[in-house]
Amino acid sequence: MSQPASTPRRRRHLMDPNNPRPQVQGGMSMTSVQKWVMSVLAVTTIGHFSAGLVIAAVFLDTRGVGAQVALDLIAGLVGVLGVAAGFLIHGRRPFTPWLVAGLIPAAIGLYYIL
């Protein structure tokens, strides 16, 4: 007796033109990716500028600490503006509790200055 002819099993790793794979939903749009890249670049660049001002304030050679504290306060303001810029790029309100994160380099600088 001979075996009945059966259809060959479909291989899973090959594409079946009669049964295409479903499209994946939920990808990010080009505008969304551009916003994220721009906000990350803005926040890190401004954050590094703020940290540089803190380092300059710590190593400033003056007799009093007034100039060092003033430069450190400017660094804190720049850090807060950097965090606000990240929120503004995404179209959100810039007044948020996350603004305190911009003061972290200035707080570290005040610790070393005072």
PDB file of N, CA and C in Angstrom:
ATOM      1  N   MET A   1       0.810  -1.166   0.000  1.00  0.00           N
ATOM      2  CA  MET A   1       0.000   0.000   0.000  1.00  0.00           C
ATOM      3  C   MET A   1       0.870   1.251   0.000  1.00  0.00           C
ATOM      4  N   SER A   2       0.424   2.170  -0.738  1.00  0.00           N
ATOM      5  CA  SER A   2       1.175   3.417  -0.804  1.00  0.00           C
ATOM      6  C   SER A   2       0.547   4.455   0.123  1.00  0.00           C
ATOM      7  N   GLN A   3       1.350   5.339   0.521  1.00  0.00           N
ATOM      8  CA  GLN A   3       0.899   6.408   1.430  1.00  0.00           C
ATOM      9  C   GLN A   3       0.182   7.492   0.620  1.00  0.00           C
ATOM     10  N   PRO A   4      -0.875   8.104   1.206  1.00  0.00           N
ATOM     11  CA  PRO A   4      -1.550   9.177   0.474  1.00  0.00           C
ATOM     12  C   PRO A   4      -0.636  10.397   0.357  1.00  0.00           C
ATOM     13  N   ALA A   5      -0.730  11.072  -0.743  1.00  0.00           N
ATOM     14  CA  ALA A   5       0.089  12.266  -0.962  1.00  0.00           C
ATOM     15  C   ALA A   5      -0.427  13.395  -0.067  1.00  0.00           C
ATOM     16  N   SER A   6       0.441  13.923   0.734  1.00  0.00           N
ATOM     17  CA  SER A   6       0.044  15.025   1.620  1.00  0.00           C
ATOM     18  C   SER A   6       0.757  16.299   1.178  1.00  0.00           C
ATOM     19  N   THR A   7       0.158  17.411   1.520  1.00  0.00           N
ATOM     20  CA  THR A   7       0.783  18.682   1.165  1.00  0.00           C
ATOM     21  C   THR A   7       1.970  18.901   2.084  1.00  0.00           C
ATOM     22  N   PRO A   8       3.036  19.423   1.542  1.00  0.00           N
ATOM     23  CA  PRO A   8       4.212  19.636   2.393  1.00  0.00           C
ATOM     24  C   PRO A   8       3.922  20.697   3.454  1.00  0.00           C
ATOM     25  N   ARG A   9       4.537  20.493   4.603  1.00  0.00           N
ATOM     26  CA  ARG A   9       4.366  21.449   5.689  1.00  0.00           C
ATOM     27  C   ARG A   9       5.011  22.778   5.328  1.00  0.00           C
ATOM     28  N   ARG A  10       4.312  23.856   5.650  1.00  0.00           N
ATOM     29  CA  ARG A  10       4.840  25.185   5.346  1.00  0.00           C
ATOM     30  C   ARG A  10       5.960  25.516   6.324  1.00  0.00           C
ATOM     31  N   ARG A  11       7.059  25.985   5.792  1.00  0.00           N
ATOM     32  CA  ARG A  11       8.184  26.376   6.638  1.00  0.00           C
ATOM     33  C   ARG A  11       7.897  27.751   7.227  1.00  0.00           C
ATOM     34  N   ARG A  12       8.157  27.893   8.519  1.00  0.00           N
ATOM     35  CA  ARG A  12       7.790  29.121   9.216  1.00  0.00           C
ATOM     36  C   ARG A  12       8.735  30.286   8.911  1.00  0.00           C
ATOM     37  N   HIS A  13       9.947  29.996   8.545  1.00  0.00           N
ATOM     38  CA  HIS A  13      10.893  31.082   8.338  1.00  0.00           C
ATOM     39  C   HIS A  13      10.758  31.722   6.960  1.00  0.00           C
ATOM     40  N   LEU A  14       9.930  31.135   6.101  1.00  0.00           N
ATOM     41  CA  LEU A  14       9.724  31.698   4.775  1.00  0.00           C
ATOM     42  C   LEU A  14       8.452  32.535   4.743  1.00  0.00           C
ATOM     43  N   MET A  15       8.432  33.517   3.854  1.00  0.00           N
ATOM     44  CA  MET A  15       7.251  34.358   3.728  1.00  0.00           C
ATOM     45  C   MET A  15       6.201  33.649   2.877  1.00  0.00           C
ATOM     46  N   ASP A  16       4.975  33.723   3.307  1.00  0.00           N
ATOM     47  CA  ASP A  16       3.862  33.160   2.555  1.00  0.00           C
ATOM     48  C   ASP A  16       3.114  34.321   1.903  1.00  0.00           C
ATOM     49  N   PRO A  17       3.124  34.423   0.560  1.00  0.00           N
ATOM     50  CA  PRO A  17       2.460  35.563  -0.082  1.00  0.00           C
ATOM     51  C   PRO A  17       0.954  35.600   0.169  1.00  0.00           C
ATOM     52  N   ASN A  18       0.356  34.465   0.453  1.00  0.00           N
ATOM     53  CA  ASN A  18      -1.081  34.436   0.714  1.00  0.00           C
ATOM     54  C   ASN A  18      -1.422  34.814   2.155  1.00  0.00           C
ATOM     55  N   ASN A  19      -0.417  34.819   3.017  1.00  0.00           N
ATOM     56  CA  ASN A  19      -0.645  35.114   4.427  1.00  0.00           C
ATOM     57  C   ASN A  19       0.481  36.019   4.935  1.00  0.00           C
ATOM     58  N   PRO A  20       0.485  37.323   4.567  1.00  0.00           N
ATOM     59  CA  PRO A  20       1.582  38.192   5.007  1.00  0.00           C
ATOM     60  C   PRO A  20       1.522  38.443   6.513  1.00  0.00           C
ATOM     61  N   ARG A  21       2.675  38.782   7.056  1.00  0.00           N
ATOM     62  CA  ARG A  21       2.740  39.082   8.489  1.00  0.00           C
ATOM     63  C   ARG A  21       2.030  40.402   8.771  1.00  0.00           C
ATOM     64  N   PRO A  22       1.405  40.511   9.928  1.00  0.00           N
ATOM     65  CA  PRO A  22       0.713  41.775  10.251  1.00  0.00           C
ATOM     66  C   PRO A  22       1.722  42.893  10.500  1.00  0.00           C
ATOM     67  N   GLN A  23       1.309  44.105  10.167  1.00  0.00           N
ATOM     68  CA  GLN A  23       2.160  45.262  10.385  1.00  0.00           C
ATOM     69  C   GLN A  23       2.243  45.565  11.875  1.00  0.00           C
ATOM     70  N   VAL A  24       3.434  45.905  12.323  1.00  0.00           N
ATOM     71  CA  VAL A  24       3.637  46.244  13.727  1.00  0.00           C
ATOM     72  C   VAL A  24       3.164  47.676  13.949  1.00  0.00           C
ATOM     73  N   GLN A  25       2.314  47.864  14.921  1.00  0.00           N
ATOM     74  CA  GLN A  25       1.790  49.184  15.242  1.00  0.00           C
ATOM     75  C   GLN A  25       2.519  49.725  16.472  1.00  0.00           C
ATOM     76  N   GLY A  26       2.487  51.013  16.640  1.00  0.00           N
ATOM     77  CA  GLY A  26       3.039  51.614  17.846  1.00  0.00           C
ATOM     78  C   GLY A  26       4.430  52.192  17.672  1.00  0.00           C
ATOM     79  N   GLY A  27       4.930  52.269  16.446  1.00  0.00           N
ATOM     80  CA  GLY A  27       6.232  52.870  16.235  1.00  0.00           C
ATOM     81  C   GLY A  27       6.157  54.382  16.419  1.00  0.00           C
ATOM     82  N   MET A  28       7.304  54.994  16.678  1.00  0.00           N
ATOM     83  CA  MET A  28       7.334  56.438  16.874  1.00  0.00           C
ATOM     84  C   MET A  28       7.402  57.139  15.523  1.00  0.00           C
ATOM     85  N   SER A  29       6.748  58.274  15.433  1.00  0.00           N
ATOM     86  CA  SER A  29       6.791  59.048  14.199  1.00  0.00           C
ATOM     87  C   SER A  29       8.109  59.813  14.126  1.00  0.00           C
ATOM     88  N   MET A  30       8.414  60.311  12.950  1.00  0.00           N
ATOM     89  CA  MET A  30       9.652  61.059  12.745  1.00  0.00           C
ATOM     90  C   MET A  30       9.675  62.314  13.615  1.00  0.00           C
ATOM     91  N   THR A  31       8.546  62.986  13.748  1.00  0.00           N
ATOM     92  CA  THR A  31       8.473  64.199  14.566  1.00  0.00           C
ATOM     93  C   THR A  31       8.733  63.887  16.030  1.00  0.00           C
ATOM     94  N   SER A  32       8.198  62.787  16.499  1.00  0.00           N
ATOM     95  CA  SER A  32       8.398  62.404  17.896  1.00  0.00           C
ATOM     96  C   SER A  32       9.864  62.086  18.169  1.00  0.00           C
ATOM     97  N   VAL A  33      10.493  61.381  17.254  1.00  0.00           N
ATOM     98  CA  VAL A  33      11.915  61.053  17.421  1.00  0.00           C
ATOM     99  C   VAL A  33      12.756  62.325  17.393  1.00  0.00           C
ATOM    100  N   GLN A  34      12.429  63.247  16.492  1.00  0.00           N
ATOM    101  CA  GLN A  34      13.174  64.497  16.421  1.00  0.00           C
ATOM    102  C   GLN A  34      13.033  65.305  17.706  1.00  0.00           C
ATOM    103  N   LYS A  35      11.839  65.312  18.291  1.00  0.00           N
ATOM    104  CA  LYS A  35      11.644  66.023  19.562  1.00  0.00           C
ATOM    105  C   LYS A  35      12.502  65.414  20.657  1.00  0.00           C
ATOM    106  N   TRP A  36      12.518  64.084  20.735  1.00  0.00           N
ATOM    107  CA  TRP A  36      13.306  63.434  21.781  1.00  0.00           C
ATOM    108  C   TRP A  36      14.797  63.689  21.596  1.00  0.00           C
ATOM    109  N   VAL A  37      15.282  63.596  20.370  1.00  0.00           N
ATOM    110  CA  VAL A  37      16.711  63.835  20.120  1.00  0.00           C
ATOM    111  C   VAL A  37      17.063  65.275  20.457  1.00  0.00           C
ATOM    112  N   MET A  38      16.231  66.210  20.028  1.00  0.00           N
ATOM    113  CA  MET A  38      16.500  67.623  20.292  1.00  0.00           C
ATOM    114  C   MET A  38      16.474  67.933  21.783  1.00  0.00           C
ATOM    115  N   SER A  39      15.518  67.376  22.509  1.00  0.00           N
ATOM    116  CA  SER A  39      15.439  67.668  23.940  1.00  0.00           C
ATOM    117  C   SER A  39      16.610  67.050  24.695  1.00  0.00           C
ATOM    118  N   VAL A  40      17.017  65.847  24.315  1.00  0.00           N
ATOM    119  CA  VAL A  40      18.167  65.227  24.985  1.00  0.00           C
ATOM    120  C   VAL A  40      19.433  66.030  24.709  1.00  0.00           C
ATOM    121  N   LEU A  41      19.623  66.456  23.459  1.00  0.00           N
ATOM    122  CA  LEU A  41      20.798  67.269  23.137  1.00  0.00           C
ATOM    123  C   LEU A  41      20.777  68.604  23.881  1.00  0.00           C
ATOM    124  N   ALA A  42      19.629  69.252  23.934  1.00  0.00           N
ATOM    125  CA  ALA A  42      19.542  70.549  24.606  1.00  0.00           C
ATOM    126  C   ALA A  42      19.808  70.420  26.101  1.00  0.00           C
ATOM    127  N   VAL A  43      19.178  69.445  26.743  1.00  0.00           N
ATOM    128  CA  VAL A  43      19.333  69.304  28.196  1.00  0.00           C
ATOM    129  C   VAL A  43      20.765  68.913  28.552  1.00  0.00           C
ATOM    130  N   THR A  44      21.368  67.980  27.811  1.00  0.00           N
ATOM    131  CA  THR A  44      22.739  67.579  28.151  1.00  0.00           C
ATOM    132  C   THR A  44      23.738  68.692  27.853  1.00  0.00           C
ATOM    133  N   THR A  45      23.553  69.423  26.750  1.00  0.00           N
ATOM    134  CA  THR A  45      24.481  70.510  26.430  1.00  0.00           C
ATOM    135  C   THR A  45      24.390  71.623  27.469  1.00  0.00           C
ATOM    136  N   ILE A  46      23.183  72.025  27.807  1.00  0.00           N
ATOM    137  CA  ILE A  46      23.016  73.092  28.794  1.00  0.00           C
ATOM    138  C   ILE A  46      23.444  72.604  30.175  1.00  0.00           C
ATOM    139  N   GLY A  47      23.204  71.335  30.470  1.00  0.00           N
ATOM    140  CA  GLY A  47      23.660  70.777  31.748  1.00  0.00           C
ATOM    141  C   GLY A  47      25.173  70.766  31.868  1.00  0.00           C
ATOM    142  N   HIS A  48      25.854  70.440  30.773  1.00  0.00           N
ATOM    143  CA  HIS A  48      27.317  70.478  30.802  1.00  0.00           C
ATOM    144  C   HIS A  48      27.829  71.912  30.947  1.00  0.00           C
ATOM    145  N   PHE A  49      27.146  72.862  30.320  1.00  0.00           N
ATOM    146  CA  PHE A  49      27.528  74.263  30.486  1.00  0.00           C
ATOM    147  C   PHE A  49      27.364  74.696  31.939  1.00  0.00           C
ATOM    148  N   SER A  50      26.280  74.268  32.562  1.00  0.00           N
ATOM    149  CA  SER A  50      26.047  74.581  33.969  1.00  0.00           C
ATOM    150  C   SER A  50      27.132  73.962  34.850  1.00  0.00           C
ATOM    151  N   ALA A  51      27.480  72.717  34.570  1.00  0.00           N
ATOM    152  CA  ALA A  51      28.539  72.061  35.349  1.00  0.00           C
ATOM    153  C   ALA A  51      29.881  72.754  35.139  1.00  0.00           C
ATOM    154  N   GLY A  52      30.134  73.226  33.921  1.00  0.00           N
ATOM    155  CA  GLY A  52      31.372  73.968  33.668  1.00  0.00           C
ATOM    156  C   GLY A  52      31.428  75.269  34.447  1.00  0.00           C
ATOM    157  N   LEU A  53      30.298  75.946  34.569  1.00  0.00           N
ATOM    158  CA  LEU A  53      30.264  77.165  35.380  1.00  0.00           C
ATOM    159  C   LEU A  53      30.522  76.859  36.850  1.00  0.00           C
ATOM    160  N   VAL A  54      30.015  75.729  37.325  1.00  0.00           N
ATOM    161  CA  VAL A  54      30.259  75.335  38.718  1.00  0.00           C
ATOM    162  C   VAL A  54      31.740  75.057  38.930  1.00  0.00           C
ATOM    163  N   ILE A  55      32.350  74.344  37.998  1.00  0.00           N
ATOM    164  CA  ILE A  55      33.789  74.046  38.121  1.00  0.00           C
ATOM    165  C   ILE A  55      34.592  75.340  38.079  1.00  0.00           C
ATOM    166  N   ALA A  56      34.203  76.273  37.212  1.00  0.00           N
ATOM    167  CA  ALA A  56      34.886  77.566  37.169  1.00  0.00           C
ATOM    168  C   ALA A  56      34.711  78.315  38.482  1.00  0.00           C
ATOM    169  N   ALA A  57      33.544  78.224  39.091  1.00  0.00           N
ATOM    170  CA  ALA A  57      33.304  78.906  40.364  1.00  0.00           C
ATOM    171  C   ALA A  57      34.145  78.298  41.477  1.00  0.00           C
ATOM    172  N   VAL A  58      34.293  76.982  41.473  1.00  0.00           N
ATOM    173  CA  VAL A  58      35.070  76.324  42.527  1.00  0.00           C
ATOM    174  C   VAL A  58      36.544  76.711  42.423  1.00  0.00           C
ATOM    175  N   PHE A  59      37.064  76.784  41.202  1.00  0.00           N
ATOM    176  CA  PHE A  59      38.489  77.062  41.024  1.00  0.00           C
ATOM    177  C   PHE A  59      38.795  78.536  40.797  1.00  0.00           C
ATOM    178  N   LEU A  60      37.814  79.413  40.979  1.00  0.00           N
ATOM    179  CA  LEU A  60      38.029  80.842  40.822  1.00  0.00           C
ATOM    180  C   LEU A  60      38.945  81.327  41.939  1.00  0.00           C
ATOM    181  N   ASP A  61      39.991  82.052  41.556  1.00  0.00           N
ATOM    182  CA  ASP A  61      40.985  82.500  42.538  1.00  0.00           C
ATOM    183  C   ASP A  61      40.646  83.922  42.991  1.00  0.00           C
ATOM    184  N   THR A  62      39.875  84.019  44.062  1.00  0.00           N
ATOM    185  CA  THR A  62      39.528  85.320  44.638  1.00  0.00           C
ATOM    186  C   THR A  62      39.717  85.249  46.145  1.00  0.00           C
ATOM    187  N   ARG A  63      39.784  86.421  46.759  1.00  0.00           N
ATOM    188  CA  ARG A  63      39.947  86.455  48.215  1.00  0.00           C
ATOM    189  C   ARG A  63      38.632  86.149  48.924  1.00  0.00           C
ATOM    190  N   GLY A  64      37.544  86.642  48.407  1.00  0.00           N
ATOM    191  CA  GLY A  64      36.236  86.393  49.013  1.00  0.00           C
ATOM    192  C   GLY A  64      35.483  85.326  48.232  1.00  0.00           C
ATOM    193  N   VAL A  65      34.394  84.906  48.829  1.00  0.00           N
ATOM    194  CA  VAL A  65      33.606  83.869  48.172  1.00  0.00           C
ATOM    195  C   VAL A  65      32.413  84.455  47.420  1.00  0.00           C
ATOM    196  N   GLY A  66      32.273  85.779  47.423  1.00  0.00           N
ATOM    197  CA  GLY A  66      31.123  86.410  46.773  1.00  0.00           C
ATOM    198  C   GLY A  66      31.059  86.127  45.282  1.00  0.00           C
ATOM    199  N   ALA A  67      32.193  86.235  44.602  1.00  0.00           N
ATOM    200  CA  ALA A  67      32.212  85.979  43.160  1.00  0.00           C
ATOM    201  C   ALA A  67      31.948  84.503  42.865  1.00  0.00           C
ATOM    202  N   GLN A  68      32.470  83.636  43.728  1.00  0.00           N
ATOM    203  CA  GLN A  68      32.240  82.203  43.528  1.00  0.00           C
ATOM    204  C   GLN A  68      30.763  81.855  43.691  1.00  0.00           C
ATOM    205  N   VAL A  69      30.132  82.414  44.719  1.00  0.00           N
ATOM    206  CA  VAL A  69      28.713  82.143  44.956  1.00  0.00           C
ATOM    207  C   VAL A  69      27.867  82.719  43.821  1.00  0.00           C
ATOM    208  N   ALA A  70      28.217  83.915  43.337  1.00  0.00           N
ATOM    209  CA  ALA A  70      27.461  84.521  42.239  1.00  0.00           C
ATOM    210  C   ALA A  70      27.555  83.663  40.978  1.00  0.00           C
ATOM    211  N   LEU A  71      28.750  83.181  40.663  1.00  0.00           N
ATOM    212  CA  LEU A  71      28.916  82.326  39.492  1.00  0.00           C
ATOM    213  C   LEU A  71      28.173  81.004  39.669  1.00  0.00           C
ATOM    214  N   ASP A  72      28.145  80.512  40.888  1.00  0.00           N
ATOM    215  CA  ASP A  72      27.420  79.272  41.161  1.00  0.00           C
ATOM    216  C   ASP A  72      25.908  79.480  41.031  1.00  0.00           C
ATOM    217  N   LEU A  73      25.413  80.637  41.447  1.00  0.00           N
ATOM    218  CA  LEU A  73      23.984  80.933  41.281  1.00  0.00           C
ATOM    219  C   LEU A  73      23.614  81.062  39.803  1.00  0.00           C
ATOM    220  N   ILE A  74      24.514  81.643  39.014  1.00  0.00           N
ATOM    221  CA  ILE A  74      24.280  81.712  37.569  1.00  0.00           C
ATOM    222  C   ILE A  74      24.233  80.304  36.980  1.00  0.00           C
ATOM    223  N   ALA A  75      25.105  79.424  37.470  1.00  0.00           N
ATOM    224  CA  ALA A  75      25.092  78.033  37.003  1.00  0.00           C
ATOM    225  C   ALA A  75      23.770  77.353  37.352  1.00  0.00           C
ATOM    226  N   GLY A  76      23.231  77.646  38.529  1.00  0.00           N
ATOM    227  CA  GLY A  76      21.934  77.087  38.904  1.00  0.00           C
ATOM    228  C   GLY A  76      20.820  77.584  38.004  1.00  0.00           C
ATOM    229  N   LEU A  77      20.848  78.866  37.670  1.00  0.00           N
ATOM    230  CA  LEU A  77      19.843  79.432  36.770  1.00  0.00           C
ATOM    231  C   LEU A  77      19.938  78.797  35.382  1.00  0.00           C
ATOM    232  N   VAL A  78      21.162  78.612  34.890  1.00  0.00           N
ATOM    233  CA  VAL A  78      21.357  77.978  33.583  1.00  0.00           C
ATOM    234  C   VAL A  78      20.850  76.536  33.614  1.00  0.00           C
ATOM    235  N   GLY A  79      21.094  75.819  34.700  1.00  0.00           N
ATOM    236  CA  GLY A  79      20.608  74.443  34.812  1.00  0.00           C
ATOM    237  C   GLY A  79      19.094  74.366  34.803  1.00  0.00           C
ATOM    238  N   VAL A  80      18.445  75.278  35.502  1.00  0.00           N
ATOM    239  CA  VAL A  80      16.975  75.312  35.523  1.00  0.00           C
ATOM    240  C   VAL A  80      16.439  75.634  34.129  1.00  0.00           C
ATOM    241  N   LEU A  81      17.082  76.553  33.434  1.00  0.00           N
ATOM    242  CA  LEU A  81      16.650  76.887  32.074  1.00  0.00           C
ATOM    243  C   LEU A  81      16.841  75.702  31.126  1.00  0.00           C
ATOM    244  N   GLY A  82      17.874  74.898  31.360  1.00  0.00           N
ATOM    245  CA  GLY A  82      18.083  73.711  30.531  1.00  0.00           C
ATOM    246  C   GLY A  82      16.976  72.691  30.694  1.00  0.00           C
ATOM    247  N   VAL A  83      16.558  72.458  31.928  1.00  0.00           N
ATOM    248  CA  VAL A  83      15.455  71.514  32.164  1.00  0.00           C
ATOM    249  C   VAL A  83      14.159  72.071  31.576  1.00  0.00           C
ATOM    250  N   ALA A  84      13.938  73.368  31.728  1.00  0.00           N
ATOM    251  CA  ALA A  84      12.732  73.986  31.160  1.00  0.00           C
ATOM    252  C   ALA A  84      12.740  73.891  29.639  1.00  0.00           C
ATOM    253  N   ALA A  85      13.910  74.014  29.022  1.00  0.00           N
ATOM    254  CA  ALA A  85      14.003  73.891  27.563  1.00  0.00           C
ATOM    255  C   ALA A  85      13.577  72.504  27.104  1.00  0.00           C
ATOM    256  N   GLY A  86      13.944  71.481  27.868  1.00  0.00           N
ATOM    257  CA  GLY A  86      13.526  70.125  27.521  1.00  0.00           C
ATOM    258  C   GLY A  86      12.018  69.972  27.529  1.00  0.00           C
ATOM    259  N   PHE A  87      11.358  70.578  28.494  1.00  0.00           N
ATOM    260  CA  PHE A  87       9.892  70.503  28.549  1.00  0.00           C
ATOM    261  C   PHE A  87       9.249  71.335  27.440  1.00  0.00           C
ATOM    262  N   LEU A  88       9.835  72.489  27.134  1.00  0.00           N
ATOM    263  CA  LEU A  88       9.266  73.336  26.088  1.00  0.00           C
ATOM    264  C   LEU A  88       9.376  72.691  24.710  1.00  0.00           C
ATOM    265  N   ILE A  89      10.446  71.958  24.461  1.00  0.00           N
ATOM    266  CA  ILE A  89      10.601  71.281  23.170  1.00  0.00           C
ATOM    267  C   ILE A  89       9.475  70.280  22.959  1.00  0.00           C
ATOM    268  N   HIS A  90       9.038  69.634  24.031  1.00  0.00           N
ATOM    269  CA  HIS A  90       7.951  68.663  23.928  1.00  0.00           C
ATOM    270  C   HIS A  90       6.571  69.323  23.990  1.00  0.00           C
ATOM    271  N   GLY A  91       6.528  70.641  24.092  1.00  0.00           N
ATOM    272  CA  GLY A  91       5.247  71.340  24.117  1.00  0.00           C
ATOM    273  C   GLY A  91       4.541  71.255  25.455  1.00  0.00           C
ATOM    274  N   ARG A  92       5.290  70.983  26.505  1.00  0.00           N
ATOM    275  CA  ARG A  92       4.693  70.900  27.840  1.00  0.00           C
ATOM    276  C   ARG A  92       5.020  72.165  28.614  1.00  0.00           C
ATOM    277  N   ARG A  93       4.290  72.373  29.704  1.00  0.00           N
ATOM    278  CA  ARG A  93       4.534  73.555  30.534  1.00  0.00           C
ATOM    279  C   ARG A  93       5.899  73.435  31.208  1.00  0.00           C
ATOM    280  N   PRO A  94       6.688  74.514  31.207  1.00  0.00           N
ATOM    281  CA  PRO A  94       8.030  74.428  31.786  1.00  0.00           C
ATOM    282  C   PRO A  94       8.051  74.499  33.311  1.00  0.00           C
ATOM    283  N   PHE A  95       6.952  74.916  33.932  1.00  0.00           N
ATOM    284  CA  PHE A  95       6.929  75.040  35.389  1.00  0.00           C
ATOM    285  C   PHE A  95       6.508  73.709  35.992  1.00  0.00           C
ATOM    286  N   THR A  96       7.485  72.955  36.458  1.00  0.00           N
ATOM    287  CA  THR A  96       7.265  71.613  36.967  1.00  0.00           C
ATOM    288  C   THR A  96       8.250  71.348  38.104  1.00  0.00           C
ATOM    289  N   PRO A  97       7.962  70.404  38.963  1.00  0.00           N
ATOM    290  CA  PRO A  97       8.919  70.078  40.029  1.00  0.00           C
ATOM    291  C   PRO A  97      10.259  69.565  39.508  1.00  0.00           C
ATOM    292  N   TRP A  98      10.306  69.144  38.249  1.00  0.00           N
ATOM    293  CA  TRP A  98      11.569  68.668  37.681  1.00  0.00           C
ATOM    294  C   TRP A  98      12.604  69.783  37.540  1.00  0.00           C
ATOM    295  N   LEU A  99      12.196  71.031  37.663  1.00  0.00           N
ATOM    296  CA  LEU A  99      13.144  72.142  37.569  1.00  0.00           C
ATOM    297  C   LEU A  99      14.190  72.083  38.677  1.00  0.00           C
ATOM    298  N   VAL A 100      13.856  71.434  39.774  1.00  0.00           N
ATOM    299  CA  VAL A 100      14.814  71.295  40.879  1.00  0.00           C
ATOM    300  C   VAL A 100      16.036  70.498  40.424  1.00  0.00           C
ATOM    301  N   ALA A 101      15.860  69.610  39.452  1.00  0.00           N
ATOM    302  CA  ALA A 101      16.991  68.827  38.942  1.00  0.00           C
ATOM    303  C   ALA A 101      18.050  69.731  38.316  1.00  0.00           C
ATOM    304  N   GLY A 102      17.655  70.881  37.801  1.00  0.00           N
ATOM    305  CA  GLY A 102      18.622  71.817  37.241  1.00  0.00           C
ATOM    306  C   GLY A 102      19.492  72.481  38.286  1.00  0.00           C
ATOM    307  N   LEU A 103      19.066  72.424  39.542  1.00  0.00           N
ATOM    308  CA  LEU A 103      19.845  73.032  40.630  1.00  0.00           C
ATOM    309  C   LEU A 103      20.885  72.087  41.222  1.00  0.00           C
ATOM    310  N   ILE A 104      20.900  70.847  40.810  1.00  0.00           N
ATOM    311  CA  ILE A 104      21.820  69.866  41.401  1.00  0.00           C
ATOM    312  C   ILE A 104      23.282  70.266  41.216  1.00  0.00           C
ATOM    313  N   PRO A 105      23.745  70.655  40.009  1.00  0.00           N
ATOM    314  CA  PRO A 105      25.153  71.070  39.901  1.00  0.00           C
ATOM    315  C   PRO A 105      25.480  72.276  40.782  1.00  0.00           C
ATOM    316  N   ALA A 106      24.558  73.227  40.892  1.00  0.00           N
ATOM    317  CA  ALA A 106      24.808  74.402  41.730  1.00  0.00           C
ATOM    318  C   ALA A 106      24.888  74.019  43.201  1.00  0.00           C
ATOM    319  N   ALA A 107      24.057  73.083  43.636  1.00  0.00           N
ATOM    320  CA  ALA A 107      24.104  72.642  45.036  1.00  0.00           C
ATOM    321  C   ALA A 107      25.427  71.951  45.340  1.00  0.00           C
ATOM    322  N   ILE A 108      25.901  71.149  44.411  1.00  0.00           N
ATOM    323  CA  ILE A 108      27.202  70.491  44.605  1.00  0.00           C
ATOM    324  C   ILE A 108      28.310  71.537  44.644  1.00  0.00           C
ATOM    325  N   GLY A 109      28.206  72.551  43.788  1.00  0.00           N
ATOM    326  CA  GLY A 109      29.204  73.621  43.794  1.00  0.00           C
ATOM    327  C   GLY A 109      29.202  74.410  45.095  1.00  0.00           C
ATOM    328  N   LEU A 110      28.014  74.703  45.626  1.00  0.00           N
ATOM    329  CA  LEU A 110      27.952  75.413  46.908  1.00  0.00           C
ATOM    330  C   LEU A 110      28.553  74.588  48.034  1.00  0.00           C
ATOM    331  N   TYR A 111      28.404  73.280  47.956  1.00  0.00           N
ATOM    332  CA  TYR A 111      29.004  72.410  48.972  1.00  0.00           C
ATOM    333  C   TYR A 111      30.530  72.568  48.974  1.00  0.00           C
ATOM    334  N   TYR A 112      31.128  72.632  47.797  1.00  0.00           N
ATOM    335  CA  TYR A 112      32.590  72.761  47.723  1.00  0.00           C
ATOM    336  C   TYR A 112      33.067  74.186  47.972  1.00  0.00           C
ATOM    337  N   ILE A 113      32.250  75.176  47.659  1.00  0.00           N
ATOM    338  CA  ILE A 113      32.658  76.568  47.855  1.00  0.00           C
ATOM    339  C   ILE A 113      32.573  76.962  49.323  1.00  0.00           C
ATOM    340  N   LEU A 114      31.467  76.604  49.951  1.00  0.00           N
ATOM    341  CA  LEU A 114      31.260  77.021  51.340  1.00  0.00           C
ATOM    342  C   LEU A 114      31.759  75.944  52.227  1.00  0.00           C
TER     343      LEU A 114
END
